[in-house]
PDB file of N, CA and C in Angstrom:
ATOM      1  N   MET A   1     -39.365 -80.134 -67.124  1.00  0.00           N
ATOM      2  CA  MET A   1     -38.873 -78.656 -67.026  1.00  0.00           C
ATOM      3  C   MET A   1     -39.862 -77.822 -67.024  1.00  0.00           C
ATOM      4  N   ALA A   2     -40.127 -76.764 -66.303  1.00  0.00           N
ATOM      5  CA  ALA A   2     -41.403 -75.885 -66.488  1.00  0.00           C
ATOM      6  C   ALA A   2     -40.660 -74.698 -67.703  1.00  0.00           C
ATOM      7  N   LYS A   3     -41.219 -74.351 -68.193  1.00  0.00           N
ATOM      8  CA  LYS A   3     -40.824 -73.019 -69.381  1.00  0.00           C
ATOM      9  C   LYS A   3     -41.523 -71.912 -68.817  1.00  0.00           C
ATOM     10  N   ILE A   4     -40.395 -70.914 -68.730  1.00  0.00           N
ATOM     11  CA  ILE A   4     -40.879 -69.666 -68.121  1.00  0.00           C
ATOM     12  C   ILE A   4     -40.471 -68.800 -69.386  1.00  0.00           C
ATOM     13  N   LEU A   5     -41.521 -67.724 -69.566  1.00  0.00           N
ATOM     14  CA  LEU A   5     -41.497 -66.466 -70.652  1.00  0.00           C
ATOM     15  C   LEU A   5     -41.466 -65.246 -70.076  1.00  0.00           C
ATOM     16  N   TYR A   6     -40.968 -64.578 -70.276  1.00  0.00           N
ATOM     17  CA  TYR A   6     -40.770 -63.078 -69.860  1.00  0.00           C
ATOM     18  C   TYR A   6     -41.007 -62.505 -70.872  1.00  0.00           C
ATOM     19  N   PHE A   7     -41.736 -61.462 -70.781  1.00  0.00           N
ATOM     20  CA  PHE A   7     -42.538 -60.349 -71.800  1.00  0.00           C
ATOM     21  C   PHE A   7     -41.980 -58.709 -71.397  1.00  0.00           C
ATOM     22  N   SER A   8     -42.108 -58.094 -72.511  1.00  0.00           N
ATOM     23  CA  SER A   8     -42.191 -56.713 -72.415  1.00  0.00           C
ATOM     24  C   SER A   8     -41.010 -56.201 -71.413  1.00  0.00           C
ATOM     25  N   ILE A   9     -40.746 -55.307 -70.565  1.00  0.00           N
ATOM     26  CA  ILE A   9     -39.558 -54.710 -69.930  1.00  0.00           C
ATOM     27  C   ILE A   9     -39.083 -55.817 -69.069  1.00  0.00           C
ATOM     28  N   LEU A  10     -39.461 -56.706 -68.765  1.00  0.00           N
ATOM     29  CA  LEU A  10     -38.987 -57.986 -68.115  1.00  0.00           C
ATOM     30  C   LEU A  10     -37.957 -58.667 -68.881  1.00  0.00           C
ATOM     31  N   VAL A  11     -38.046 -58.580 -69.920  1.00  0.00           N
ATOM     32  CA  VAL A  11     -36.895 -59.211 -70.888  1.00  0.00           C
ATOM     33  C   VAL A  11     -35.587 -58.338 -70.884  1.00  0.00           C
ATOM     34  N   ASP A  12     -35.772 -57.350 -70.711  1.00  0.00           N
ATOM     35  CA  ASP A  12     -34.545 -56.037 -70.686  1.00  0.00           C
ATOM     36  C   ASP A  12     -33.869 -56.082 -69.078  1.00  0.00           C
ATOM     37  N   LYS A  13     -34.831 -56.513 -68.235  1.00  0.00           N
ATOM     38  CA  LYS A  13     -34.488 -56.460 -66.593  1.00  0.00           C
ATOM     39  C   LYS A  13     -33.746 -57.817 -66.359  1.00  0.00           C
ATOM     40  N   PHE A  14     -34.450 -58.789 -66.785  1.00  0.00           N
ATOM     41  CA  PHE A  14     -33.810 -60.013 -66.596  1.00  0.00           C
ATOM     42  C   PHE A  14     -32.700 -60.785 -67.514  1.00  0.00           C
ATOM     43  N   GLY A  15     -32.457 -59.830 -69.017  1.00  0.00           N
ATOM     44  CA  GLY A  15     -31.841 -60.442 -69.828  1.00  0.00           C
ATOM     45  C   GLY A  15     -31.783 -61.766 -70.386  1.00  0.00           C
ATOM     46  N   ARG A  16     -33.048 -61.921 -70.696  1.00  0.00           N
ATOM     47  CA  ARG A  16     -33.534 -63.397 -71.183  1.00  0.00           C
ATOM     48  C   ARG A  16     -35.061 -63.067 -71.320  1.00  0.00           C
ATOM     49  N   ALA A  17     -35.412 -63.930 -72.637  1.00  0.00           N
ATOM     50  CA  ALA A  17     -36.967 -64.075 -72.876  1.00  0.00           C
ATOM     51  C   ALA A  17     -37.754 -65.126 -72.369  1.00  0.00           C
ATOM     52  N   SER A  18     -36.673 -66.313 -71.973  1.00  0.00           N
ATOM     53  CA  SER A  18     -37.325 -67.445 -71.625  1.00  0.00           C
ATOM     54  C   SER A  18     -36.106 -68.042 -70.969  1.00  0.00           C
ATOM     55  N   GLU A  19     -36.824 -69.272 -70.177  1.00  0.00           N
ATOM     56  CA  GLU A  19     -35.794 -70.125 -69.435  1.00  0.00           C
ATOM     57  C   GLU A  19     -36.428 -71.330 -69.137  1.00  0.00           C
ATOM     58  N   GLU A  20     -35.795 -72.616 -69.188  1.00  0.00           N
ATOM     59  CA  GLU A  20     -36.602 -73.834 -68.833  1.00  0.00           C
ATOM     60  C   GLU A  20     -35.787 -74.203 -67.358  1.00  0.00           C
ATOM     61  N   VAL A  21     -36.482 -74.541 -66.298  1.00  0.00           N
ATOM     62  CA  VAL A  21     -36.194 -74.620 -64.890  1.00  0.00           C
ATOM     63  C   VAL A  21     -36.818 -76.012 -64.112  1.00  0.00           C
ATOM     64  N   ALA A  22     -36.402 -76.430 -63.570  1.00  0.00           N
ATOM     65  CA  ALA A  22     -36.728 -77.408 -62.820  1.00  0.00           C
ATOM     66  C   ALA A  22     -37.491 -77.032 -61.485  1.00  0.00           C
ATOM     67  N   LEU A  23     -38.724 -76.514 -61.307  1.00  0.00           N
ATOM     68  CA  LEU A  23     -39.055 -76.526 -60.092  1.00  0.00           C
ATOM     69  C   LEU A  23     -38.977 -77.100 -58.650  1.00  0.00           C
ATOM     70  N   PRO A  24     -38.336 -76.224 -57.637  1.00  0.00           N
ATOM     71  CA  PRO A  24     -38.089 -76.996 -56.417  1.00  0.00           C
ATOM     72  C   PRO A  24     -39.535 -77.343 -55.828  1.00  0.00           C
ATOM     73  N   GLY A  25     -39.559 -78.123 -54.975  1.00  0.00           N
ATOM     74  CA  GLY A  25     -40.986 -79.027 -54.240  1.00  0.00           C
ATOM     75  C   GLY A  25     -41.434 -77.911 -53.768  1.00  0.00           C
ATOM     76  N   SER A  26     -40.879 -76.514 -53.125  1.00  0.00           N
ATOM     77  CA  SER A  26     -41.662 -75.731 -52.379  1.00  0.00           C
ATOM     78  C   SER A  26     -42.633 -74.745 -53.086  1.00  0.00           C
ATOM     79  N   VAL A  27     -42.337 -74.985 -54.348  1.00  0.00           N
ATOM     80  CA  VAL A  27     -43.070 -73.951 -55.675  1.00  0.00           C
ATOM     81  C   VAL A  27     -44.095 -74.933 -56.044  1.00  0.00           C
ATOM     82  N   THR A  28     -45.542 -74.503 -55.550  1.00  0.00           N
ATOM     83  CA  THR A  28     -46.723 -75.346 -55.741  1.00  0.00           C
ATOM     84  C   THR A  28     -47.700 -74.403 -56.443  1.00  0.00           C
ATOM     85  N   ASP A  29     -47.549 -73.185 -56.308  1.00  0.00           N
ATOM     86  CA  ASP A  29     -48.499 -72.087 -56.891  1.00  0.00           C
ATOM     87  C   ASP A  29     -47.885 -71.160 -57.298  1.00  0.00           C
ATOM     88  N   VAL A  30     -48.815 -69.989 -58.034  1.00  0.00           N
ATOM     89  CA  VAL A  30     -48.080 -68.735 -58.596  1.00  0.00           C
ATOM     90  C   VAL A  30     -47.505 -68.136 -57.575  1.00  0.00           C
ATOM     91  N   ARG A  31     -48.104 -68.225 -56.623  1.00  0.00           N
ATOM     92  CA  ARG A  31     -47.637 -67.428 -55.007  1.00  0.00           C
ATOM     93  C   ARG A  31     -46.217 -67.544 -54.869  1.00  0.00           C
ATOM     94  N   THR A  32     -45.977 -68.991 -54.437  1.00  0.00           N
ATOM     95  CA  THR A  32     -44.591 -69.459 -54.158  1.00  0.00           C
ATOM     96  C   THR A  32     -43.604 -69.570 -55.208  1.00  0.00           C
ATOM     97  N   LEU A  33     -44.243 -69.296 -56.707  1.00  0.00           N
ATOM     98  CA  LEU A  33     -43.503 -69.367 -57.655  1.00  0.00           C
ATOM     99  C   LEU A  33     -42.480 -67.993 -58.011  1.00  0.00           C
ATOM    100  N   LEU A  34     -43.663 -67.142 -57.826  1.00  0.00           N
ATOM    101  CA  LEU A  34     -43.211 -65.826 -57.830  1.00  0.00           C
ATOM    102  C   LEU A  34     -42.227 -65.346 -56.543  1.00  0.00           C
ATOM    103  N   ALA A  35     -42.301 -66.062 -55.482  1.00  0.00           N
ATOM    104  CA  ALA A  35     -41.236 -65.796 -54.386  1.00  0.00           C
ATOM    105  C   ALA A  35     -39.997 -66.355 -54.553  1.00  0.00           C
ATOM    106  N   TRP A  36     -40.315 -67.586 -55.265  1.00  0.00           N
ATOM    107  CA  TRP A  36     -38.861 -68.586 -55.476  1.00  0.00           C
ATOM    108  C   TRP A  36     -38.109 -67.321 -56.400  1.00  0.00           C
ATOM    109  N   LEU A  37     -38.817 -67.080 -57.782  1.00  0.00           N
ATOM    110  CA  LEU A  37     -38.050 -66.334 -58.426  1.00  0.00           C
ATOM    111  C   LEU A  37     -37.343 -64.943 -57.755  1.00  0.00           C
ATOM    112  N   ARG A  38     -38.237 -64.303 -56.991  1.00  0.00           N
ATOM    113  CA  ARG A  38     -37.665 -63.102 -56.250  1.00  0.00           C
ATOM    114  C   ARG A  38     -36.480 -63.106 -55.385  1.00  0.00           C
ATOM    115  N   THR A  39     -35.960 -64.771 -54.943  1.00  0.00           N
ATOM    116  CA  THR A  39     -34.721 -64.883 -54.452  1.00  0.00           C
ATOM    117  C   THR A  39     -33.628 -64.557 -55.296  1.00  0.00           C
ATOM    118  N   ARG A  40     -33.720 -64.517 -56.606  1.00  0.00           N
ATOM    119  CA  ARG A  40     -32.533 -64.204 -57.446  1.00  0.00           C
ATOM    120  C   ARG A  40     -31.889 -62.787 -57.072  1.00  0.00           C
ATOM    121  N   GLY A  41     -32.749 -62.137 -56.607  1.00  0.00           N
ATOM    122  CA  GLY A  41     -31.941 -60.743 -56.452  1.00  0.00           C
ATOM    123  C   GLY A  41     -32.815 -59.569 -56.187  1.00  0.00           C
ATOM    124  N   GLU A  42     -32.215 -58.399 -56.005  1.00  0.00           N
ATOM    125  CA  GLU A  42     -33.067 -56.962 -55.922  1.00  0.00           C
ATOM    126  C   GLU A  42     -33.864 -56.561 -56.944  1.00  0.00           C
ATOM    127  N   GLY A  43     -33.369 -56.926 -58.452  1.00  0.00           N
ATOM    128  CA  GLY A  43     -34.163 -56.576 -59.562  1.00  0.00           C
ATOM    129  C   GLY A  43     -35.360 -57.648 -59.863  1.00  0.00           C
ATOM    130  N   TRP A  44     -35.020 -58.795 -59.488  1.00  0.00           N
ATOM    131  CA  TRP A  44     -36.093 -59.927 -59.436  1.00  0.00           C
ATOM    132  C   TRP A  44     -37.345 -59.432 -58.576  1.00  0.00           C
ATOM    133  N   GLU A  45     -36.625 -59.027 -57.275  1.00  0.00           N
ATOM    134  CA  GLU A  45     -37.719 -58.700 -56.276  1.00  0.00           C
ATOM    135  C   GLU A  45     -38.738 -57.530 -56.470  1.00  0.00           C
ATOM    136  N   LYS A  46     -38.051 -56.540 -57.309  1.00  0.00           N
ATOM    137  CA  LYS A  46     -39.043 -55.463 -57.411  1.00  0.00           C
ATOM    138  C   LYS A  46     -39.528 -55.749 -58.593  1.00  0.00           C
ATOM    139  N   ALA A  47     -39.334 -56.241 -59.797  1.00  0.00           N
ATOM    140  CA  ALA A  47     -40.234 -56.462 -60.853  1.00  0.00           C
ATOM    141  C   ALA A  47     -41.179 -57.587 -60.872  1.00  0.00           C
ATOM    142  N   LEU A  48     -40.860 -58.499 -59.874  1.00  0.00           N
ATOM    143  CA  LEU A  48     -41.830 -59.589 -59.598  1.00  0.00           C
ATOM    144  C   LEU A  48     -42.786 -59.382 -58.307  1.00  0.00           C
ATOM    145  N   ARG A  49     -42.930 -58.439 -57.815  1.00  0.00           N
ATOM    146  CA  ARG A  49     -44.101 -58.446 -56.649  1.00  0.00           C
ATOM    147  C   ARG A  49     -45.375 -58.592 -57.357  1.00  0.00           C
ATOM    148  N   GLU A  50     -46.171 -59.357 -56.408  1.00  0.00           N
ATOM    149  CA  GLU A  50     -47.412 -59.874 -57.058  1.00  0.00           C
ATOM    150  C   GLU A  50     -48.351 -58.861 -57.617  1.00  0.00           C
ATOM    151  N   ASP A  51     -48.257 -57.436 -57.192  1.00  0.00           N
ATOM    152  CA  ASP A  51     -49.001 -56.466 -58.034  1.00  0.00           C
ATOM    153  C   ASP A  51     -48.287 -55.957 -59.361  1.00  0.00           C
ATOM    154  N   ALA A  52     -47.202 -56.279 -59.623  1.00  0.00           N
ATOM    155  CA  ALA A  52     -46.536 -56.103 -60.369  1.00  0.00           C
ATOM    156  C   ALA A  52     -46.485 -56.842 -61.890  1.00  0.00           C
ATOM    157  N   VAL A  53     -46.809 -57.814 -61.744  1.00  0.00           N
ATOM    158  CA  VAL A  53     -47.299 -59.078 -62.819  1.00  0.00           C
ATOM    159  C   VAL A  53     -48.644 -59.770 -62.698  1.00  0.00           C
ATOM    160  N   LYS A  54     -48.753 -60.152 -64.099  1.00  0.00           N
ATOM    161  CA  LYS A  54     -49.709 -60.986 -64.198  1.00  0.00           C
ATOM    162  C   LYS A  54     -49.257 -62.391 -64.600  1.00  0.00           C
ATOM    163  N   VAL A  55     -49.537 -63.954 -64.341  1.00  0.00           N
ATOM    164  CA  VAL A  55     -48.989 -64.741 -64.895  1.00  0.00           C
ATOM    165  C   VAL A  55     -50.263 -65.712 -65.634  1.00  0.00           C
ATOM    166  N   THR A  56     -49.448 -66.478 -66.691  1.00  0.00           N
ATOM    167  CA  THR A  56     -50.483 -67.373 -67.073  1.00  0.00           C
ATOM    168  C   THR A  56     -49.623 -68.508 -66.948  1.00  0.00           C
ATOM    169  N   LEU A  57     -50.511 -69.600 -67.146  1.00  0.00           N
ATOM    170  CA  LEU A  57     -50.183 -71.077 -67.110  1.00  0.00           C
ATOM    171  C   LEU A  57     -50.955 -71.932 -68.211  1.00  0.00           C
ATOM    172  N   ASN A  58     -50.130 -72.175 -69.265  1.00  0.00           N
ATOM    173  CA  ASN A  58     -50.588 -72.834 -70.342  1.00  0.00           C
ATOM    174  C   ASN A  58     -51.580 -71.656 -71.214  1.00  0.00           C
ATOM    175  N   ARG A  59     -51.016 -70.529 -71.184  1.00  0.00           N
ATOM    176  CA  ARG A  59     -51.661 -69.542 -72.077  1.00  0.00           C
ATOM    177  C   ARG A  59     -53.157 -69.134 -71.625  1.00  0.00           C
ATOM    178  N   GLN A  60     -53.302 -69.310 -70.334  1.00  0.00           N
ATOM    179  CA  GLN A  60     -54.212 -69.020 -69.737  1.00  0.00           C
ATOM    180  C   GLN A  60     -54.046 -67.921 -68.088  1.00  0.00           C
ATOM    181  N   PHE A  61     -54.771 -66.903 -67.758  1.00  0.00           N
ATOM    182  CA  PHE A  61     -54.376 -66.125 -66.782  1.00  0.00           C
ATOM    183  C   PHE A  61     -54.589 -66.951 -65.695  1.00  0.00           C
ATOM    184  N   ALA A  62     -53.941 -66.921 -64.820  1.00  0.00           N
ATOM    185  CA  ALA A  62     -53.867 -67.402 -63.379  1.00  0.00           C
ATOM    186  C   ALA A  62     -54.020 -66.821 -62.016  1.00  0.00           C
ATOM    187  N   GLU A  63     -54.527 -66.949 -60.907  1.00  0.00           N
ATOM    188  CA  GLU A  63     -54.306 -66.426 -59.856  1.00  0.00           C
ATOM    189  C   GLU A  63     -53.354 -66.687 -58.874  1.00  0.00           C
ATOM    190  N   ALA A  64     -52.914 -66.099 -57.849  1.00  0.00           N
ATOM    191  CA  ALA A  64     -51.932 -66.274 -57.000  1.00  0.00           C
ATOM    192  C   ALA A  64     -51.892 -67.807 -56.133  1.00  0.00           C
ATOM    193  N   ASP A  65     -53.078 -68.200 -56.335  1.00  0.00           N
ATOM    194  CA  ASP A  65     -53.150 -69.614 -55.590  1.00  0.00           C
ATOM    195  C   ASP A  65     -53.492 -70.807 -56.832  1.00  0.00           C
ATOM    196  N   SER A  66     -53.322 -70.480 -57.933  1.00  0.00           N
ATOM    197  CA  SER A  66     -53.018 -71.669 -58.912  1.00  0.00           C
ATOM    198  C   SER A  66     -52.093 -72.534 -58.703  1.00  0.00           C
ATOM    199  N   ALA A  67     -52.248 -73.827 -59.109  1.00  0.00           N
ATOM    200  CA  ALA A  67     -51.268 -74.552 -59.009  1.00  0.00           C
ATOM    201  C   ALA A  67     -50.224 -74.388 -60.121  1.00  0.00           C
ATOM    202  N   VAL A  68     -49.071 -74.788 -59.939  1.00  0.00           N
ATOM    203  CA  VAL A  68     -47.916 -75.030 -60.830  1.00  0.00           C
ATOM    204  C   VAL A  68     -47.039 -76.154 -61.052  1.00  0.00           C
ATOM    205  N   ASN A  69     -46.793 -76.781 -61.941  1.00  0.00           N
ATOM    206  CA  ASN A  69     -45.994 -77.732 -61.999  1.00  0.00           C
ATOM    207  C   ASN A  69     -44.920 -77.818 -63.135  1.00  0.00           C
ATOM    208  N   ASP A  70     -43.980 -78.519 -63.205  1.00  0.00           N
ATOM    209  CA  ASP A  70     -43.073 -78.621 -64.486  1.00  0.00           C
ATOM    210  C   ASP A  70     -43.229 -79.068 -65.667  1.00  0.00           C
ATOM    211  N   LYS A  71     -44.353 -79.058 -65.868  1.00  0.00           N
ATOM    212  CA  LYS A  71     -44.932 -79.394 -67.281  1.00  0.00           C
ATOM    213  C   LYS A  71     -45.500 -78.378 -67.853  1.00  0.00           C
ATOM    214  N   MET A  72     -45.819 -77.320 -67.125  1.00  0.00           N
ATOM    215  CA  MET A  72     -46.435 -75.984 -67.650  1.00  0.00           C
ATOM    216  C   MET A  72     -45.511 -74.827 -68.483  1.00  0.00           C
ATOM    217  N   GLU A  73     -46.152 -74.120 -69.202  1.00  0.00           N
ATOM    218  CA  GLU A  73     -45.621 -73.171 -69.956  1.00  0.00           C
ATOM    219  C   GLU A  73     -46.132 -72.008 -68.932  1.00  0.00           C
ATOM    220  N   ILE A  74     -45.078 -71.147 -68.384  1.00  0.00           N
ATOM    221  CA  ILE A  74     -45.424 -69.967 -67.537  1.00  0.00           C
ATOM    222  C   ILE A  74     -44.982 -68.947 -68.087  1.00  0.00           C
ATOM    223  N   ALA A  75     -45.990 -67.858 -68.286  1.00  0.00           N
ATOM    224  CA  ALA A  75     -45.875 -66.536 -68.825  1.00  0.00           C
ATOM    225  C   ALA A  75     -45.633 -65.530 -67.719  1.00  0.00           C
ATOM    226  N   ILE A  76     -44.734 -64.531 -67.630  1.00  0.00           N
ATOM    227  CA  ILE A  76     -44.987 -63.602 -66.750  1.00  0.00           C
ATOM    228  C   ILE A  76     -44.881 -62.123 -67.480  1.00  0.00           C
ATOM    229  N   VAL A  77     -46.051 -61.294 -67.272  1.00  0.00           N
ATOM    230  CA  VAL A  77     -46.051 -60.161 -68.019  1.00  0.00           C
ATOM    231  C   VAL A  77     -46.341 -58.966 -66.957  1.00  0.00           C
ATOM    232  N   PRO A  78     -45.800 -57.949 -67.219  1.00  0.00           N
ATOM    233  CA  PRO A  78     -45.874 -56.554 -66.220  1.00  0.00           C
ATOM    234  C   PRO A  78     -47.572 -56.472 -66.493  1.00  0.00           C
ATOM    235  N   ALA A  79     -47.966 -56.096 -65.180  1.00  0.00           N
ATOM    236  CA  ALA A  79     -49.434 -55.762 -65.029  1.00  0.00           C
ATOM    237  C   ALA A  79     -49.802 -54.336 -65.762  1.00  0.00           C
ATOM    238  N   ARG A  80     -48.762 -53.314 -65.831  1.00  0.00           N
ATOM    239  CA  ARG A  80     -49.039 -52.176 -66.650  1.00  0.00           C
ATOM    240  C   ARG A  80     -47.918 -52.216 -67.263  1.00  0.00           C
ATOM    241  N   LEU A  81     -48.048 -51.575 -68.410  1.00  0.00           N
ATOM    242  CA  LEU A  81     -47.148 -51.333 -69.424  1.00  0.00           C
ATOM    243  C   LEU A  81     -47.135 -49.837 -69.476  1.00  0.00           C
ATOM    244  N   GLY A  82     -45.745 -49.482 -69.471  1.00  0.00           N
ATOM    245  CA  GLY A  82     -45.356 -48.088 -69.516  1.00  0.00           C
ATOM    246  C   GLY A  82     -45.308 -47.437 -68.158  1.00  0.00           C
TER     247      GLY A  82
END
């Protein structure tokens, strides 16, 4: 299971600081991860636009095409604070 951590205002928006999830087979990179999370609803859609967040994989900043898997720690932080 992948561990996803949320930071800053995302904690308030989503009502959680972290979660463990089994990623579906369609989630292969950061871009598809964010797209999958955005399917959770309107609040998720707006908060997780690619230009609104930065993602780390195992504590290293990642690009949209960086591969993801169920064994990773994934952190999502707002691109701009405030």
